Protein backbone atom coordinates (compact mmCIF):
# COMPACT_ATOMS: atom_id res chain seq x y z
CA MET A 1 53.29 -96.26 12.63
CA LYS A 2 52.66 -92.80 14.02
CA PHE A 3 49.50 -90.94 14.96
CA ASN A 4 48.13 -89.63 11.71
CA THR A 5 48.79 -92.93 9.91
CA ARG A 6 47.34 -94.95 12.76
CA ILE A 7 44.12 -93.04 12.22
CA LEU A 8 44.21 -93.85 8.51
CA CYS A 9 44.61 -97.57 9.26
CA LEU A 10 41.86 -97.63 11.84
CA ALA A 11 39.64 -95.82 9.20
CA ILE A 12 40.45 -98.35 6.54
CA ALA A 13 39.57 -101.37 8.78
CA GLY A 14 36.00 -100.23 8.80
CA THR A 15 35.63 -100.09 5.02
CA ALA A 16 35.47 -102.65 2.22
CA PHE A 17 39.04 -101.82 1.33
CA MET A 18 40.67 -104.15 3.83
CA ASN A 19 39.29 -107.32 2.38
CA THR A 20 38.63 -106.35 -1.22
CA SER A 21 40.35 -108.59 -3.72
CA CYS A 22 42.93 -106.80 -5.82
CA ILE A 23 43.62 -108.74 -9.05
CA GLY A 24 43.79 -112.40 -9.93
CA ASN A 25 45.50 -112.34 -13.26
CA LEU A 26 47.13 -109.15 -14.55
CA ASP A 27 44.73 -109.19 -17.59
CA THR A 28 42.26 -107.45 -15.15
CA LEU A 29 44.37 -104.58 -14.57
CA PRO A 30 43.28 -101.87 -13.69
CA LEU A 31 40.77 -102.75 -11.19
CA ASN A 32 37.32 -103.73 -12.54
CA GLU A 33 34.97 -100.82 -11.77
CA SER A 34 32.44 -103.19 -10.20
CA ASP A 35 34.76 -103.95 -7.34
CA ALA A 36 33.69 -102.60 -3.99
CA VAL A 37 36.34 -99.85 -4.02
CA SER A 38 34.53 -97.23 -5.94
CA GLU A 39 30.97 -95.76 -5.57
CA THR A 40 30.23 -97.92 -2.61
CA VAL A 41 32.82 -96.23 -0.43
CA TYR A 42 32.92 -92.59 -1.78
CA GLY A 43 30.46 -89.91 -0.86
CA THR A 44 30.48 -86.34 0.20
CA ASP A 45 32.69 -86.65 3.40
CA GLU A 46 36.42 -87.08 3.73
CA TYR A 47 36.36 -90.52 5.30
CA GLY A 48 36.12 -92.60 2.14
CA TYR A 49 38.66 -90.55 0.23
CA LEU A 50 41.14 -90.82 3.07
CA ALA A 51 40.57 -94.54 3.38
CA GLY A 52 41.11 -94.95 -0.41
CA LEU A 53 44.49 -93.22 -0.09
CA THR A 54 45.33 -95.23 2.98
CA LYS A 55 44.77 -98.44 1.02
CA ILE A 56 47.48 -97.38 -1.36
CA TYR A 57 49.94 -96.54 1.41
CA PHE A 58 49.00 -99.74 3.22
CA HIS A 59 49.89 -101.70 0.16
CA PHE A 60 53.55 -101.41 0.93
CA VAL A 61 53.08 -103.43 4.23
CA SER A 62 50.17 -105.68 3.30
CA ASN A 63 50.44 -109.43 3.94
CA GLU A 64 47.16 -110.18 2.05
CA THR A 65 47.63 -113.03 -0.43
CA THR A 66 44.13 -113.35 -2.02
CA ASP A 67 45.60 -112.73 -5.47
CA LEU A 68 49.20 -113.98 -4.89
CA GLN A 69 50.20 -117.67 -5.36
CA VAL A 70 52.97 -117.74 -2.78
CA SER A 71 53.90 -120.18 -0.12
CA ASP A 72 54.53 -117.53 2.60
CA GLY A 73 52.29 -114.45 2.93
CA GLY A 74 54.69 -112.67 5.25
CA ALA A 75 57.53 -113.03 2.74
CA SER A 76 55.24 -111.45 -0.01
CA GLU A 77 55.03 -108.06 1.73
CA LEU A 78 56.25 -105.68 -0.78
CA ILE A 79 59.05 -103.95 1.25
CA ARG A 80 60.28 -107.38 2.39
CA ALA A 81 60.18 -108.86 -1.08
CA PHE A 82 61.84 -105.90 -2.77
CA TRP A 83 64.47 -105.82 0.00
CA SER A 84 65.25 -109.45 -0.61
CA THR A 85 65.83 -108.88 -4.32
CA GLN A 86 68.08 -105.84 -3.54
CA GLU A 87 70.08 -107.29 -0.67
CA VAL A 88 70.16 -111.04 -0.54
CA THR A 89 71.45 -111.00 -4.24
CA THR A 90 74.47 -109.00 -3.15
CA ASP A 91 77.36 -108.84 -0.70
CA GLU A 92 75.13 -107.17 1.98
CA ALA A 93 72.95 -110.13 3.13
CA LYS A 94 72.51 -113.96 2.94
CA CYS A 95 69.53 -115.89 4.22
CA ALA A 96 69.80 -119.20 6.09
CA TRP A 97 66.33 -120.50 5.22
CA GLU A 98 67.44 -123.02 2.74
CA ASN A 99 63.97 -124.63 2.27
CA ASP A 100 62.24 -121.34 1.46
CA ALA A 101 61.16 -121.11 -2.14
CA TRP A 102 63.19 -118.01 -3.07
CA VAL A 103 66.23 -118.31 -0.87
CA ARG A 104 68.77 -120.46 -2.76
CA ALA A 105 68.19 -118.66 -6.05
CA LEU A 106 68.68 -115.16 -4.57
CA ASN A 107 71.64 -116.19 -2.25
CA THR A 108 73.65 -117.43 -5.09
CA ASN A 109 72.43 -115.43 -8.18
CA THR A 110 71.07 -118.65 -9.89
CA TRP A 111 67.47 -117.63 -10.59
CA SER A 112 65.90 -118.48 -13.90
CA ASP A 113 62.58 -117.83 -15.67
CA ALA A 114 61.03 -120.11 -12.97
CA ASP A 115 58.88 -118.08 -10.56
CA ASN A 116 60.19 -117.58 -7.11
CA ASP A 117 58.14 -116.03 -4.18
CA ALA A 118 60.18 -112.90 -3.75
CA THR A 119 60.39 -111.66 -7.37
CA TYR A 120 56.78 -112.72 -7.99
CA ALA A 121 55.59 -110.72 -5.05
CA VAL A 122 57.40 -107.64 -6.26
CA TYR A 123 55.88 -108.02 -9.68
CA VAL A 124 52.32 -108.52 -8.63
CA ARG A 125 52.34 -106.09 -5.62
CA THR A 126 53.79 -103.21 -7.65
CA LEU A 127 51.22 -103.60 -10.39
CA GLN A 128 48.43 -104.13 -7.92
CA GLY A 129 49.55 -100.82 -6.25
CA ILE A 130 49.41 -99.09 -9.61
CA SER A 131 45.97 -100.38 -10.37
CA TYR A 132 44.86 -99.10 -6.95
CA VAL A 133 46.14 -95.65 -7.75
CA ASN A 134 44.54 -95.67 -11.24
CA GLU A 135 41.14 -96.59 -9.76
CA TYR A 136 41.51 -93.85 -7.03
CA LEU A 137 42.33 -91.23 -9.61
CA ARG A 138 39.20 -92.31 -11.61
CA GLN A 139 36.94 -92.12 -8.61
CA THR A 140 38.29 -88.78 -7.48
CA SER A 141 38.18 -86.91 -10.82
CA GLN A 142 36.44 -83.60 -10.69
CA ASP A 143 33.56 -84.94 -12.71
CA ARG A 144 32.97 -87.68 -10.21
CA LEU A 145 33.23 -85.30 -7.27
CA ASP A 146 30.80 -82.88 -8.94
CA ASP A 147 28.31 -85.71 -9.60
CA ARG A 148 28.45 -86.65 -5.90
CA GLY A 149 28.02 -83.10 -4.66
CA VAL A 150 31.37 -82.93 -3.02
CA SER A 151 32.16 -79.46 -1.50
CA SER A 152 34.87 -77.17 -2.83
CA GLU A 153 36.67 -77.35 0.49
CA LEU A 154 36.75 -81.19 0.48
CA ALA A 155 37.67 -81.18 -3.20
CA ALA A 156 40.70 -79.03 -2.50
CA ARG A 157 41.81 -81.72 0.18
CA ILE A 158 41.09 -84.49 -2.29
CA ARG A 159 43.44 -82.73 -4.81
CA GLN A 160 46.21 -83.25 -2.33
CA PHE A 161 45.33 -86.90 -1.84
CA ARG A 162 45.26 -87.45 -5.59
CA ASP A 163 48.87 -85.99 -5.84
CA GLU A 164 50.04 -88.18 -3.04
CA ALA A 165 48.68 -91.21 -4.97
CA ARG A 166 50.42 -90.10 -8.05
CA PHE A 167 53.74 -90.02 -6.12
CA LEU A 168 53.00 -93.58 -4.88
CA ARG A 169 52.25 -94.76 -8.36
CA ALA A 170 55.62 -93.36 -9.53
CA TYR A 171 57.22 -95.19 -6.70
CA PHE A 172 55.57 -98.45 -7.63
CA TYR A 173 56.69 -97.94 -11.17
CA TRP A 174 60.24 -97.19 -10.09
CA MET A 175 60.28 -100.52 -8.14
CA ALA A 176 58.95 -102.38 -11.16
CA LEU A 177 61.17 -100.90 -13.83
CA ASP A 178 64.34 -101.30 -11.61
CA THR A 179 63.51 -104.97 -11.04
CA PHE A 180 61.99 -106.11 -14.36
CA GLY A 181 62.87 -103.56 -16.98
CA ASP A 182 59.95 -103.51 -19.36
CA VAL A 183 56.66 -103.71 -17.45
CA PRO A 184 52.90 -103.52 -18.10
CA PHE A 185 51.84 -99.86 -18.31
CA THR A 186 48.50 -98.43 -17.26
CA THR A 187 47.20 -95.06 -16.08
CA GLU A 188 43.77 -93.82 -15.04
CA ASN A 189 43.18 -93.03 -18.67
CA SER A 190 43.83 -96.58 -19.86
CA PRO A 191 40.99 -99.00 -20.87
CA PHE A 192 40.01 -101.18 -17.99
CA GLY A 193 37.72 -104.01 -17.04
CA GLY A 194 37.62 -107.72 -17.19
CA GLY A 195 39.54 -109.11 -20.22
CA VAL A 196 41.53 -106.02 -20.92
CA ASN A 197 45.20 -106.85 -21.23
CA PRO A 198 47.68 -104.10 -20.34
CA THR A 199 50.36 -103.50 -22.87
CA GLN A 200 53.99 -103.61 -21.92
CA ALA A 201 56.10 -100.34 -22.06
CA ASP A 202 59.80 -100.36 -22.45
CA ARG A 203 61.95 -99.32 -19.42
CA ALA A 204 62.89 -95.99 -20.87
CA GLU A 205 59.41 -95.02 -21.55
CA VAL A 206 58.25 -95.82 -18.06
CA PHE A 207 61.18 -93.92 -16.73
CA ARG A 208 60.25 -90.87 -18.77
CA TYR A 209 56.65 -91.17 -17.64
CA CYS A 210 57.77 -91.19 -13.98
CA ILE A 211 60.03 -88.27 -14.46
CA ASP A 212 57.13 -86.29 -16.00
CA GLU A 213 54.90 -87.18 -13.08
CA LEU A 214 57.47 -86.34 -10.45
CA THR A 215 58.44 -83.06 -12.23
CA TYR A 216 54.76 -81.93 -12.09
CA LEU A 217 54.38 -83.05 -8.48
CA ALA A 218 57.55 -80.97 -7.60
CA SER A 219 56.15 -77.93 -9.22
CA ASP A 220 54.08 -75.07 -7.75
CA GLN A 221 51.08 -76.28 -9.70
CA SER A 222 50.91 -79.51 -7.56
CA ALA A 223 48.88 -79.87 -4.43
CA MET A 224 51.60 -82.00 -2.83
CA PRO A 225 52.14 -80.85 0.79
CA ALA A 226 55.31 -78.93 1.53
CA ALA A 227 58.51 -80.76 2.48
CA ARG A 228 58.63 -81.80 6.13
CA SER A 229 54.91 -81.16 6.60
CA ASN A 230 53.27 -84.62 6.08
CA TYR A 231 55.31 -87.37 7.97
CA PRO A 232 55.16 -90.22 7.44
CA ARG A 233 53.13 -89.64 4.26
CA ALA A 234 54.72 -88.29 1.13
CA ASP A 235 55.38 -84.55 0.29
CA LYS A 236 57.53 -82.46 -1.96
CA GLY A 237 60.72 -83.57 -0.24
CA SER A 238 59.74 -87.21 -1.15
CA VAL A 239 59.13 -86.17 -4.70
CA ASN A 240 62.50 -84.60 -5.18
CA GLY A 241 64.25 -87.44 -3.41
CA LEU A 242 62.77 -90.00 -5.80
CA LEU A 243 63.76 -87.76 -8.73
CA ALA A 244 67.20 -87.71 -7.56
CA ARG A 245 67.37 -91.44 -7.24
CA MET A 246 65.86 -91.96 -10.76
CA TYR A 247 68.24 -89.56 -12.30
CA LEU A 248 71.16 -91.20 -10.59
CA ASN A 249 70.25 -94.44 -12.32
CA ALA A 250 69.13 -93.04 -15.63
CA GLU A 251 71.98 -94.45 -17.70
CA VAL A 252 70.97 -97.96 -16.61
CA TYR A 253 67.22 -97.26 -17.33
CA THR A 254 67.63 -95.31 -20.60
CA GLY A 255 71.04 -95.58 -21.83
CA THR A 256 71.73 -91.84 -21.22
CA PRO A 257 73.32 -90.50 -17.98
CA MET A 258 71.58 -87.63 -16.28
CA TRP A 259 74.19 -86.66 -13.66
CA GLN A 260 73.39 -82.88 -13.77
CA GLU A 261 69.70 -83.50 -13.32
CA ALA A 262 70.48 -85.79 -10.23
CA LYS A 263 72.71 -83.02 -8.87
CA ASN A 264 70.01 -80.49 -9.40
CA ALA A 265 67.37 -82.48 -7.68
CA CYS A 266 69.60 -83.05 -4.64
CA GLU A 267 70.20 -79.21 -4.45
CA THR A 268 66.50 -78.76 -4.34
CA VAL A 269 66.15 -81.14 -1.44
CA PHE A 270 69.02 -79.22 0.29
CA SER A 271 66.98 -76.09 0.14
CA MET A 272 63.99 -77.80 1.97
CA GLY A 273 65.36 -77.68 5.55
CA TYR A 274 66.19 -81.35 6.21
CA SER A 275 69.18 -82.15 8.30
CA LEU A 276 71.26 -85.19 9.11
CA CYS A 277 70.27 -86.83 12.47
CA PRO A 278 73.21 -86.27 14.70
CA ASP A 279 73.11 -89.89 15.90
CA TYR A 280 73.13 -92.34 13.01
CA ALA A 281 71.85 -95.29 15.11
CA ALA A 282 68.79 -93.22 16.10
CA LEU A 283 67.51 -93.29 12.63
CA PHE A 284 66.63 -96.89 12.91
CA ARG A 285 65.40 -97.26 16.47
CA GLY A 286 61.89 -98.09 17.58
CA ASP A 287 61.01 -94.34 18.31
CA ASN A 288 62.45 -93.02 14.99
CA GLY A 289 59.01 -91.71 13.99
CA GLU A 290 58.60 -89.72 17.23
CA ASN A 291 62.31 -88.53 17.61
CA PRO A 292 62.41 -85.10 15.86
CA GLU A 293 66.07 -85.47 14.98
CA ALA A 294 65.50 -88.79 13.20
CA VAL A 295 62.27 -87.38 11.45
CA GLY A 296 64.28 -84.37 10.27
CA GLU A 297 66.33 -86.71 8.08
CA MET A 298 63.50 -88.62 6.57
CA LEU A 299 62.09 -87.55 3.16
CA TRP A 300 59.60 -90.40 3.30
CA SER A 301 59.15 -93.44 5.56
CA VAL A 302 56.77 -96.34 5.78
CA ALA A 303 55.50 -96.43 9.31
CA TYR A 304 55.31 -99.65 11.39
CA ASP A 305 53.63 -100.12 14.79
CA ALA A 306 53.87 -103.23 16.92
CA GLU A 307 50.24 -103.04 17.77
CA GLN A 308 48.74 -101.57 14.53
CA THR A 309 50.87 -102.92 11.67
CA GLN A 310 51.55 -106.56 12.64
CA SER A 311 53.34 -107.36 9.44
CA TYR A 312 55.86 -110.10 8.92
CA GLY A 313 57.74 -107.92 6.62
CA GLY A 314 59.45 -104.49 6.71
CA THR A 315 61.21 -103.70 9.91
CA SER A 316 59.66 -106.64 11.78
CA TYR A 317 61.45 -108.88 9.40
CA LEU A 318 64.71 -106.84 9.71
CA THR A 319 64.61 -107.06 13.51
CA LEU A 320 63.23 -110.55 14.00
CA ALA A 321 65.08 -112.38 11.20
CA ALA A 322 68.37 -110.81 12.19
CA ILE A 323 68.60 -112.67 15.49
CA ALA A 324 68.12 -116.25 16.61
CA ALA A 325 65.46 -117.13 19.31
CA THR A 326 68.45 -118.14 21.49
CA ASP A 327 69.71 -114.53 21.47
CA VAL A 328 66.57 -113.57 23.37
CA SER A 329 66.39 -114.26 27.13
CA SER A 330 64.48 -113.04 30.11
CA THR A 331 66.84 -110.24 30.61
CA SER A 332 68.29 -109.50 27.12
CA PHE A 333 66.40 -108.40 23.99
CA PRO A 334 69.24 -107.17 21.79
CA SER A 335 66.82 -106.00 19.00
CA GLY A 336 64.06 -104.97 21.34
CA VAL A 337 61.66 -107.83 20.16
CA ASN A 338 60.76 -110.98 22.00
CA ASN A 339 61.70 -113.62 19.47
CA GLY A 340 64.25 -114.40 16.70
CA TRP A 341 63.81 -116.15 13.42
CA GLY A 342 67.40 -116.90 12.65
CA GLY A 343 67.28 -115.81 9.00
CA ILE A 344 69.43 -113.02 7.58
CA ARG A 345 72.97 -111.95 8.28
CA ILE A 346 76.08 -110.65 6.55
CA PRO A 347 79.27 -112.52 5.71
CA TYR A 348 82.17 -111.38 7.78
CA GLU A 349 84.36 -111.57 4.71
CA GLU A 350 82.29 -108.73 3.19
CA ILE A 351 82.16 -106.64 6.40
CA SER A 352 85.91 -106.82 6.75
CA LYS A 353 86.30 -105.21 3.25
CA TYR A 354 84.49 -102.06 4.39
CA TYR A 355 85.33 -101.75 8.03
CA ASN A 356 88.76 -101.92 9.73
CA ILE A 357 88.16 -104.68 12.33
CA SER A 358 90.84 -104.36 15.09
CA GLY A 359 92.34 -107.64 16.13
CA GLU A 360 90.46 -110.78 16.57
CA PRO A 361 86.68 -110.54 17.32
CA ASP A 362 85.67 -112.29 20.53
CA TYR A 363 82.75 -114.46 19.57
CA ALA A 364 82.14 -115.61 23.18
CA SER A 365 81.52 -112.24 24.61
CA GLY A 366 80.42 -110.58 21.32
CA GLU A 367 83.10 -107.96 21.48
CA TYR A 368 84.78 -106.44 18.42
CA GLN A 369 86.22 -103.05 17.59
CA ILE A 370 86.32 -100.88 14.52
CA SER A 371 89.83 -99.35 14.44
CA ASN A 372 89.02 -96.08 12.76
CA GLY A 373 86.04 -95.63 15.02
CA ASP A 374 83.25 -95.62 12.36
CA LYS A 375 80.05 -95.58 14.41
CA ARG A 376 78.11 -97.05 11.63
CA GLY A 377 79.92 -100.33 12.41
CA ASN A 378 78.38 -100.52 15.90
CA VAL A 379 75.33 -102.37 14.43
CA PHE A 380 76.76 -105.86 14.32
CA TYR A 381 76.01 -108.65 16.74
CA ILE A 382 78.55 -111.49 16.93
CA LYS A 383 77.92 -113.21 20.30
CA GLY A 384 77.82 -116.97 19.65
CA ARG A 385 78.58 -116.65 15.99
CA ALA A 386 81.24 -118.17 13.82
CA GLU A 387 83.40 -115.79 11.77
CA SER A 388 83.25 -117.38 8.45
CA PHE A 389 80.49 -118.92 6.19
CA ASN A 390 82.94 -121.43 4.84
CA ASP A 391 80.93 -124.27 3.35
CA ALA A 392 77.84 -123.70 5.60
CA LEU A 393 75.87 -120.90 3.92
CA TYR A 394 72.62 -122.18 5.46
CA VAL A 395 73.81 -122.23 9.12
CA PHE A 396 72.58 -118.97 10.73
CA LEU A 397 75.26 -118.63 13.21
CA ASN A 398 77.81 -118.45 10.51
CA GLY A 399 78.42 -114.86 9.71
CA TRP A 400 77.51 -111.61 11.55
CA SER A 401 74.01 -110.42 12.54
CA CYS A 402 73.06 -106.92 11.88
CA LEU A 403 70.94 -105.11 14.43
CA LYS A 404 70.86 -101.76 12.57
CA PHE A 405 67.10 -101.92 12.74
CA ASN A 406 66.45 -102.07 16.46
CA ASN A 407 63.21 -101.72 18.33
CA ILE A 408 64.83 -100.20 21.48
CA PRO A 409 64.21 -96.49 21.54
CA HIS A 410 67.18 -94.27 20.90
CA ASP A 411 67.52 -93.08 24.56
CA MET A 412 67.24 -96.47 26.22
CA THR A 413 69.41 -99.48 26.71
CA ASP A 414 68.52 -103.19 26.21
CA ALA A 415 68.17 -103.59 29.90
CA GLU A 416 66.00 -100.53 30.38
CA PHE A 417 63.66 -101.62 27.57
CA SER A 418 63.50 -105.28 28.57
CA SER A 419 60.28 -105.21 30.45
CA THR A 420 58.51 -103.73 27.42
CA ALA A 421 60.33 -105.83 24.92
CA THR A 422 58.68 -108.98 26.42
CA SER A 423 55.49 -107.86 24.67
CA LYS A 424 57.01 -106.76 21.38
CA ALA A 425 56.31 -109.43 18.83
CA TYR A 426 56.56 -106.86 16.02
CA SER A 427 58.61 -103.74 15.23
CA ASP A 428 57.89 -100.11 15.86
CA VAL A 429 60.71 -98.95 13.58
CA ASP A 430 59.65 -96.91 10.56
CA TYR A 431 61.33 -97.90 7.43
CA PRO A 432 63.20 -95.05 5.59
CA MET A 433 62.23 -95.14 1.99
CA ILE A 434 64.21 -92.03 1.20
CA ARG A 435 66.26 -90.11 3.58
CA LEU A 436 68.84 -87.32 3.45
CA GLY A 437 71.98 -89.44 3.97
CA GLU A 438 71.10 -91.13 0.55
CA ILE A 439 70.67 -87.71 -1.07
CA TYR A 440 74.13 -86.62 0.10
CA LEU A 441 75.56 -89.71 -1.51
CA ILE A 442 73.64 -89.15 -4.74
CA TYR A 443 74.96 -85.68 -4.81
CA ILE A 444 78.53 -86.73 -4.11
CA GLU A 445 78.38 -89.38 -6.91
CA SER A 446 76.84 -87.05 -9.35
CA CYS A 447 79.44 -84.28 -8.72
CA MET A 448 82.21 -86.94 -9.12
CA ARG A 449 80.83 -88.04 -12.35
CA LEU A 450 80.55 -84.48 -13.57
CA GLY A 451 84.22 -83.79 -12.55
CA GLN A 452 83.05 -81.48 -9.69
CA THR A 453 84.09 -83.47 -6.63
CA ASP A 454 85.32 -80.40 -4.77
CA THR A 455 81.63 -79.08 -4.85
CA ALA A 456 80.52 -82.11 -2.94
CA MET A 457 83.14 -82.22 -0.27
CA PRO A 458 81.14 -80.36 2.40
CA TYR A 459 78.68 -83.33 2.26
CA VAL A 460 81.55 -85.87 2.42
CA ARG A 461 82.74 -84.18 5.51
CA GLU A 462 79.29 -84.02 7.14
CA LEU A 463 78.75 -87.82 6.64
CA ALA A 464 82.23 -88.52 7.95
CA GLN A 465 81.71 -86.28 10.99
CA ARG A 466 78.55 -88.05 11.99
CA ALA A 467 80.35 -91.45 11.51
CA GLY A 468 83.14 -90.28 13.71
CA ILE A 469 85.88 -90.83 11.05
CA THR A 470 88.37 -88.72 9.21
CA PRO A 471 86.95 -87.55 5.88
CA VAL A 472 88.65 -88.64 2.65
CA SER A 473 90.17 -86.08 0.36
CA SER A 474 88.55 -85.13 -2.97
CA SER A 475 91.08 -87.26 -4.82
CA GLU A 476 89.89 -90.34 -2.91
CA VAL A 477 86.29 -89.84 -3.93
CA THR A 478 86.27 -92.52 -6.62
CA GLU A 479 83.83 -95.03 -7.83
CA ASP A 480 85.35 -97.58 -5.46
CA TRP A 481 84.85 -95.17 -2.56
CA ILE A 482 81.25 -94.68 -3.53
CA ILE A 483 80.63 -98.42 -3.53
CA ALA A 484 82.28 -98.79 -0.09
CA GLU A 485 80.66 -95.68 1.43
CA ARG A 486 77.18 -96.63 0.22
CA PHE A 487 77.69 -100.10 1.85
CA ARG A 488 78.57 -98.32 5.10
CA GLU A 489 75.90 -95.60 5.07
CA LEU A 490 72.92 -97.41 3.39
CA LEU A 491 73.43 -100.95 4.62
CA TRP A 492 70.28 -103.00 4.61
CA GLU A 493 68.20 -100.10 3.26
CA GLY A 494 67.35 -101.76 -0.04
CA HIS A 495 69.83 -100.09 -2.47
CA ARG A 496 72.66 -102.52 -3.05
CA ARG A 497 71.69 -104.47 -6.19
CA THR A 498 70.83 -101.19 -7.95
CA ASP A 499 74.16 -99.59 -6.88
CA LEU A 500 76.20 -102.47 -8.01
CA ILE A 501 74.45 -102.65 -11.43
CA ARG A 502 74.88 -98.87 -11.98
CA CYS A 503 78.66 -99.21 -11.28
CA GLY A 504 79.09 -102.33 -13.36
CA ARG A 505 79.80 -104.65 -10.47
CA PHE A 506 76.67 -106.79 -10.02
CA SER A 507 77.40 -109.53 -12.56
CA SER A 508 81.03 -108.83 -13.09
CA SER A 509 83.74 -111.46 -12.40
CA SER A 510 86.13 -108.67 -11.27
CA PHE A 511 83.99 -107.79 -8.23
CA LEU A 512 83.29 -110.87 -6.19
CA TRP A 513 81.66 -111.72 -2.87
CA THR A 514 81.03 -114.85 -0.92
CA TYR A 515 78.85 -117.24 -2.90
CA LYS A 516 78.29 -114.79 -5.73
CA GLY A 517 77.07 -116.58 -8.81
CA GLY A 518 76.64 -120.09 -7.35
CA ASP A 519 77.67 -122.43 -4.54
CA ASN A 520 81.37 -121.41 -4.84
CA TYR A 521 82.45 -119.92 -1.54
CA ASN A 522 84.91 -117.54 -3.28
CA GLY A 523 82.29 -116.27 -5.74
CA GLN A 524 82.29 -115.99 -9.55
CA GLY A 525 80.79 -113.73 -12.14
CA PHE A 526 77.37 -114.56 -13.82
CA ASP A 527 75.53 -113.69 -16.99
CA SER A 528 74.51 -110.01 -17.25
CA HIS A 529 70.90 -110.90 -18.22
CA LEU A 530 70.34 -111.54 -14.50
CA GLU A 531 70.61 -107.87 -13.89
CA ILE A 532 66.91 -107.77 -14.37
CA PHE A 533 64.53 -110.48 -13.25
CA ALA A 534 62.17 -112.65 -15.38
CA ILE A 535 58.67 -111.62 -15.92
CA PRO A 536 56.66 -114.35 -14.09
CA ALA A 537 55.67 -117.16 -16.39
CA THR A 538 52.10 -117.12 -15.18
CA GLU A 539 51.66 -113.64 -16.43
CA LEU A 540 53.21 -114.28 -19.78
CA ALA A 541 50.84 -117.28 -20.21
CA SER A 542 47.76 -115.18 -19.41
CA ASN A 543 48.61 -112.05 -21.43
CA PRO A 544 49.67 -112.06 -25.03
CA GLU A 545 50.77 -108.39 -24.81
CA LEU A 546 53.78 -109.27 -22.60
CA HIS A 547 57.23 -110.35 -23.77
CA GLN A 548 59.90 -112.02 -21.70
CA ASN A 549 63.17 -110.29 -20.81
CA PRO A 550 66.28 -111.31 -22.79
CA GLY A 551 68.07 -114.39 -21.65
CA TYR A 552 65.01 -116.05 -20.07
CA ALA A 553 62.74 -118.75 -21.64
CA THR A 554 59.64 -117.45 -23.39
CA VAL A 555 56.12 -118.68 -22.55
CA SER A 556 53.39 -118.84 -25.14
CA ALA A 557 50.40 -116.81 -24.28
CA ALA A 558 47.25 -118.68 -23.38
CA LYS A 559 44.75 -119.14 -26.30
């Protein structure tokens, strides 16, 4: 977490926001106006309004479980829970924690209507976040500001805060619709208060609402900050990046492809002055929020700080869970943190599909080589590992660890950072929510779908140059190449499930990975209704306005 966000989090700690209950059951969405998040904290100075906005940003990293019925608060952090649904369900990651409530179902694509902690956390936290935004917008309406005697100068700053909040609401809605399809839908203009049940909107309707919101926020009428002016908070680059991602997946969400719109949104981003970080690895190091070259690629990040954001999710999870405690010694801290949880890793069988591994990896020394020199393959840690999962999915040392998210600063070695690493129980790595490398790939895919691959070839070559490999020709840019290149470029950044669904590969029996669709090592297809998750049974039981997704058991609403 970097300077301006650290100030925000310190500000929030002094208000009622930090410990205010969010929601218990979703029939209270949006927040009841009597909660201590309204008139009690807003006045005529900037402090309360900035703290209100901070609460919304902070919601992505919160471990607070007052209103979540989960067994592990750390696992319920939104970024970690969403990451689990996106990655552990695919060929990019498997988790060794057999006894955790969500692990087996996600590892093997065998979830049902029964709640599991990961999907439940995504559902509740996204809707909580939306409710926070709705209440914030009510409390910062011009009428409320006039009633409080807020100055015109402060009102202008609050207008920017409001537009940032609207972007965050669109992002929450994107996460929810991507994961669950039809979701409860509310805005600041919806009825609210105890006993009010939110109605459920279909996926296409929520998609169109988000597109309308983002289109406004991208316009000159919006008070969103200019691109590259508000790191790590959101700005117009963030807005256009999310537009590009949503357009890319429009056919899944609405039945109608929007490739031209995706291409156009990417071109807008290209005009905003972002640039690829020359060193791919530096994008995910502990100083990525201070390194200008890394920041120059980020359209929006969630900031983490080992002292200020002591979350068990986000990049702390991605650094600590990717190594075992035995990988850490008094002189070696391969991820720049002082412990290891022995949780997540990647099947070697899947890595070998996308990287050309030369010869036999040496698991004693940890040495391996990528024959085509792809620098993105330098993130794997294999010392003391076994190559194959075989029949031992829940043995952490089977498979390859991924140290892509690494707390060591980009210009330091493990040995040079070791004295500092001894005190690092959490991560300093900012998590990239949207970055330019993703936008390049959206543009390449959109051009390919439009029959305009030659237009995208400069971006193919730029990504290849940074990776240190020979670029493919335009005729080689196919859907298969897109699937492979997104694995290499966006590994562990929370995109894989969505990518595989868009390309018809997620549930298909013709695209297999280790333990796909059950306990079969070789993998198998599964029913396509699992391409979206079940609405939690507890929410169906408490809200008669909700319906279950197709293929899952229905639950009668409470009388």
